[in-house]
Amino acid sequence: RLMLAAKRAPGGLHCIVRDNGQGMPDDVRVHIFDPFFTTRDDGTGLGLAIVQRIVTDHDGTIVVASEPEQGATFTIWMPAQSPE
């Protein structure tokens, strides 16, 4: 299952993506945003590295919380765009 949520936060927006998958041990979690890091035989390891780059290029942040057998939760914070 995949859960998506968005809510206003001070100065911006929190986007939350949560799954109920297998989760990640700490030794994997610390590398998931590294380009070319993958645990899949058919993966390129670029997906989350690209997501992180897009988020940070827009002055946002992305963090992940995960425990084995507990799924993963990605929280993205994006700043509100200032009126022009």
N, C-alpha and C. Protein backbone atom coordinates (compact mmCIF):
# COMPACT_ATOMS: atom_id res chain seq x y z
N ARG A 1 0.83 -1.18 0.00
CA ARG A 1 0.00 0.00 0.00
C ARG A 1 0.87 1.24 0.00
N LEU A 2 0.34 2.27 -0.59
CA LEU A 2 1.04 3.54 -0.66
C LEU A 2 0.09 4.63 -0.18
N MET A 3 0.57 5.48 0.72
CA MET A 3 -0.22 6.58 1.25
C MET A 3 0.47 7.88 0.87
N LEU A 4 -0.29 8.80 0.33
CA LEU A 4 0.22 10.13 -0.02
C LEU A 4 -0.57 11.17 0.75
N ALA A 5 0.14 12.17 1.26
CA ALA A 5 -0.52 13.25 1.97
C ALA A 5 0.26 14.53 1.74
N ALA A 6 -0.45 15.63 1.80
CA ALA A 6 0.18 16.95 1.71
C ALA A 6 -0.50 17.85 2.72
N LYS A 7 0.30 18.66 3.39
CA LYS A 7 -0.28 19.59 4.35
C LYS A 7 0.58 20.84 4.41
N ARG A 8 -0.09 21.94 4.70
CA ARG A 8 0.64 23.20 4.85
C ARG A 8 1.54 23.11 6.07
N ALA A 9 2.67 23.75 5.94
CA ALA A 9 3.63 23.81 7.03
C ALA A 9 4.15 25.25 7.09
N PRO A 10 4.73 25.65 8.20
CA PRO A 10 5.26 27.02 8.26
C PRO A 10 6.22 27.29 7.09
N GLY A 11 5.86 28.26 6.27
CA GLY A 11 6.70 28.66 5.16
C GLY A 11 6.69 27.76 3.95
N GLY A 12 5.83 26.75 3.94
CA GLY A 12 5.85 25.86 2.79
C GLY A 12 4.84 24.74 2.87
N LEU A 13 5.23 23.59 2.35
CA LEU A 13 4.33 22.45 2.22
C LEU A 13 5.10 21.18 2.56
N HIS A 14 4.48 20.31 3.35
CA HIS A 14 5.01 18.98 3.61
C HIS A 14 4.28 17.99 2.71
N CYS A 15 5.02 17.18 2.00
CA CYS A 15 4.46 16.08 1.23
C CYS A 15 4.99 14.79 1.86
N ILE A 16 4.09 13.88 2.15
CA ILE A 16 4.47 12.65 2.83
C ILE A 16 4.08 11.47 1.95
N VAL A 17 5.04 10.58 1.73
CA VAL A 17 4.81 9.35 0.97
C VAL A 17 5.19 8.20 1.90
N ARG A 18 4.22 7.33 2.17
CA ARG A 18 4.45 6.23 3.11
C ARG A 18 4.03 4.92 2.45
N ASP A 19 4.83 3.88 2.68
CA ASP A 19 4.45 2.56 2.19
C ASP A 19 4.49 1.56 3.33
N ASN A 20 3.94 0.39 3.09
CA ASN A 20 3.98 -0.66 4.10
C ASN A 20 4.83 -1.83 3.61
N GLY A 21 5.88 -1.49 2.86
CA GLY A 21 6.77 -2.51 2.30
C GLY A 21 7.72 -3.08 3.32
N GLN A 22 8.81 -3.62 2.84
CA GLN A 22 9.75 -4.34 3.70
C GLN A 22 10.63 -3.43 4.54
N GLY A 23 10.62 -2.13 4.28
CA GLY A 23 11.45 -1.22 5.05
C GLY A 23 12.92 -1.36 4.69
N MET A 24 13.77 -0.65 5.44
CA MET A 24 15.21 -0.65 5.14
C MET A 24 16.01 -0.71 6.43
N PRO A 25 17.07 -1.48 6.43
CA PRO A 25 18.00 -1.41 7.56
C PRO A 25 18.82 -0.13 7.45
N ASP A 26 19.43 0.28 8.54
CA ASP A 26 20.20 1.53 8.57
C ASP A 26 21.31 1.57 7.53
N ASP A 27 21.99 0.44 7.29
CA ASP A 27 23.11 0.45 6.34
C ASP A 27 22.65 0.69 4.91
N VAL A 28 21.40 0.43 4.60
CA VAL A 28 20.84 0.74 3.28
C VAL A 28 20.28 2.17 3.29
N ARG A 29 19.53 2.49 4.34
CA ARG A 29 18.87 3.80 4.42
C ARG A 29 19.84 4.96 4.25
N VAL A 30 21.03 4.87 4.80
CA VAL A 30 21.98 5.98 4.73
C VAL A 30 22.52 6.21 3.32
N HIS A 31 22.29 5.27 2.41
CA HIS A 31 22.82 5.39 1.05
C HIS A 31 21.76 5.58 -0.03
N ILE A 32 20.49 5.60 0.32
CA ILE A 32 19.46 5.56 -0.72
C ILE A 32 19.43 6.78 -1.63
N PHE A 33 20.00 7.89 -1.21
CA PHE A 33 20.04 9.07 -2.07
C PHE A 33 21.36 9.16 -2.85
N ASP A 34 22.27 8.20 -2.65
CA ASP A 34 23.53 8.18 -3.39
C ASP A 34 23.30 7.74 -4.83
N PRO A 35 23.80 8.49 -5.81
CA PRO A 35 23.65 8.06 -7.20
C PRO A 35 24.24 6.67 -7.41
N PHE A 36 23.51 5.85 -8.13
CA PHE A 36 23.90 4.49 -8.52
C PHE A 36 23.84 3.47 -7.39
N PHE A 37 23.38 3.86 -6.21
CA PHE A 37 23.19 2.88 -5.14
C PHE A 37 21.85 2.19 -5.34
N THR A 38 21.85 0.88 -5.39
CA THR A 38 20.62 0.12 -5.53
C THR A 38 20.76 -1.21 -4.82
N THR A 39 19.63 -1.75 -4.40
CA THR A 39 19.59 -3.09 -3.83
C THR A 39 18.89 -4.05 -4.78
N ARG A 40 18.52 -3.56 -5.95
CA ARG A 40 17.80 -4.37 -6.94
C ARG A 40 18.74 -4.83 -8.04
N ASP A 41 18.48 -6.01 -8.55
CA ASP A 41 19.28 -6.53 -9.65
C ASP A 41 19.06 -5.74 -10.94
N ASP A 42 17.86 -5.20 -11.09
CA ASP A 42 17.53 -4.49 -12.33
C ASP A 42 17.41 -2.97 -12.14
N GLY A 43 17.89 -2.44 -11.02
CA GLY A 43 17.79 -1.01 -10.75
C GLY A 43 19.02 -0.25 -11.21
N THR A 44 18.83 1.05 -11.46
CA THR A 44 19.96 1.91 -11.84
C THR A 44 20.48 2.70 -10.65
N GLY A 45 19.67 2.83 -9.60
CA GLY A 45 20.09 3.61 -8.44
C GLY A 45 20.02 5.11 -8.68
N LEU A 46 19.24 5.53 -9.66
CA LEU A 46 19.16 6.96 -9.96
C LEU A 46 17.87 7.62 -9.50
N GLY A 47 16.81 6.86 -9.28
CA GLY A 47 15.51 7.45 -8.97
C GLY A 47 15.52 8.39 -7.78
N LEU A 48 15.92 7.91 -6.62
CA LEU A 48 15.89 8.75 -5.42
C LEU A 48 16.97 9.82 -5.45
N ALA A 49 18.09 9.56 -6.13
CA ALA A 49 19.11 10.61 -6.28
C ALA A 49 18.55 11.77 -7.09
N ILE A 50 17.77 11.46 -8.13
CA ILE A 50 17.16 12.51 -8.95
C ILE A 50 16.09 13.26 -8.15
N VAL A 51 15.27 12.53 -7.40
CA VAL A 51 14.25 13.17 -6.57
C VAL A 51 14.91 14.14 -5.59
N GLN A 52 15.96 13.69 -4.92
CA GLN A 52 16.64 14.56 -3.96
C GLN A 52 17.20 15.80 -4.64
N ARG A 53 17.75 15.64 -5.82
CA ARG A 53 18.32 16.78 -6.55
C ARG A 53 17.24 17.79 -6.92
N ILE A 54 16.11 17.31 -7.39
CA ILE A 54 15.00 18.21 -7.74
C ILE A 54 14.52 18.97 -6.50
N VAL A 55 14.34 18.25 -5.40
CA VAL A 55 13.86 18.88 -4.17
C VAL A 55 14.86 19.93 -3.68
N THR A 56 16.13 19.59 -3.62
CA THR A 56 17.12 20.55 -3.11
C THR A 56 17.33 21.71 -4.08
N ASP A 57 17.20 21.47 -5.38
CA ASP A 57 17.31 22.56 -6.35
C ASP A 57 16.20 23.59 -6.17
N HIS A 58 15.10 23.18 -5.54
CA HIS A 58 13.99 24.09 -5.25
C HIS A 58 13.98 24.52 -3.78
N ASP A 59 15.15 24.42 -3.14
CA ASP A 59 15.34 24.84 -1.74
C ASP A 59 14.50 24.04 -0.76
N GLY A 60 14.17 22.81 -1.10
CA GLY A 60 13.43 21.95 -0.19
C GLY A 60 14.33 20.92 0.46
N THR A 61 13.70 20.08 1.26
CA THR A 61 14.42 18.99 1.92
C THR A 61 13.62 17.69 1.77
N ILE A 62 14.34 16.58 1.78
CA ILE A 62 13.70 15.27 1.78
C ILE A 62 14.41 14.40 2.80
N VAL A 63 13.63 13.72 3.62
CA VAL A 63 14.18 12.81 4.62
C VAL A 63 13.38 11.51 4.57
N VAL A 64 14.00 10.45 5.04
CA VAL A 64 13.32 9.16 5.08
C VAL A 64 13.44 8.57 6.48
N ALA A 65 12.38 7.94 6.91
CA ALA A 65 12.36 7.17 8.14
C ALA A 65 11.94 5.76 7.77
N SER A 66 12.68 4.78 8.24
CA SER A 66 12.35 3.40 7.88
C SER A 66 12.98 2.43 8.87
N GLU A 67 12.27 1.38 9.13
CA GLU A 67 12.75 0.26 9.93
C GLU A 67 12.43 -1.01 9.16
N PRO A 68 13.29 -2.01 9.26
CA PRO A 68 12.98 -3.28 8.59
C PRO A 68 11.60 -3.80 8.99
N GLU A 69 10.87 -4.29 8.01
CA GLU A 69 9.51 -4.84 8.18
C GLU A 69 8.48 -3.81 8.60
N GLN A 70 8.81 -2.51 8.54
CA GLN A 70 7.88 -1.47 8.96
C GLN A 70 7.58 -0.47 7.86
N GLY A 71 8.02 -0.71 6.65
CA GLY A 71 7.78 0.23 5.57
C GLY A 71 8.71 1.43 5.65
N ALA A 72 8.42 2.43 4.84
CA ALA A 72 9.24 3.64 4.80
C ALA A 72 8.34 4.85 4.67
N THR A 73 8.81 5.96 5.22
CA THR A 73 8.09 7.23 5.12
C THR A 73 9.07 8.29 4.62
N PHE A 74 8.75 8.87 3.47
CA PHE A 74 9.54 9.97 2.91
C PHE A 74 8.77 11.25 3.18
N THR A 75 9.45 12.23 3.75
CA THR A 75 8.84 13.53 4.00
C THR A 75 9.61 14.58 3.22
N ILE A 76 8.88 15.27 2.37
CA ILE A 76 9.46 16.33 1.55
C ILE A 76 8.89 17.66 2.04
N TRP A 77 9.75 18.62 2.28
CA TRP A 77 9.31 19.97 2.62
C TRP A 77 9.74 20.88 1.47
N MET A 78 8.78 21.61 0.94
CA MET A 78 9.05 22.56 -0.13
C MET A 78 8.63 23.94 0.35
N PRO A 79 9.50 24.95 0.12
CA PRO A 79 9.13 26.29 0.57
C PRO A 79 8.01 26.87 -0.28
N ALA A 80 7.24 27.74 0.34
CA ALA A 80 6.21 28.46 -0.40
C ALA A 80 6.88 29.43 -1.37
N GLN A 81 6.32 29.55 -2.53
CA GLN A 81 6.88 30.47 -3.52
C GLN A 81 6.49 31.89 -3.12
N SER A 82 7.46 32.77 -3.13
CA SER A 82 7.15 34.15 -2.79
C SER A 82 6.41 34.82 -3.96
N PRO A 83 5.42 35.65 -3.66
CA PRO A 83 4.70 36.33 -4.74
C PRO A 83 5.62 37.28 -5.50
N GLU A 84 5.45 37.28 -6.81
CA GLU A 84 6.29 38.15 -7.65
C GLU A 84 5.48 39.28 -8.23
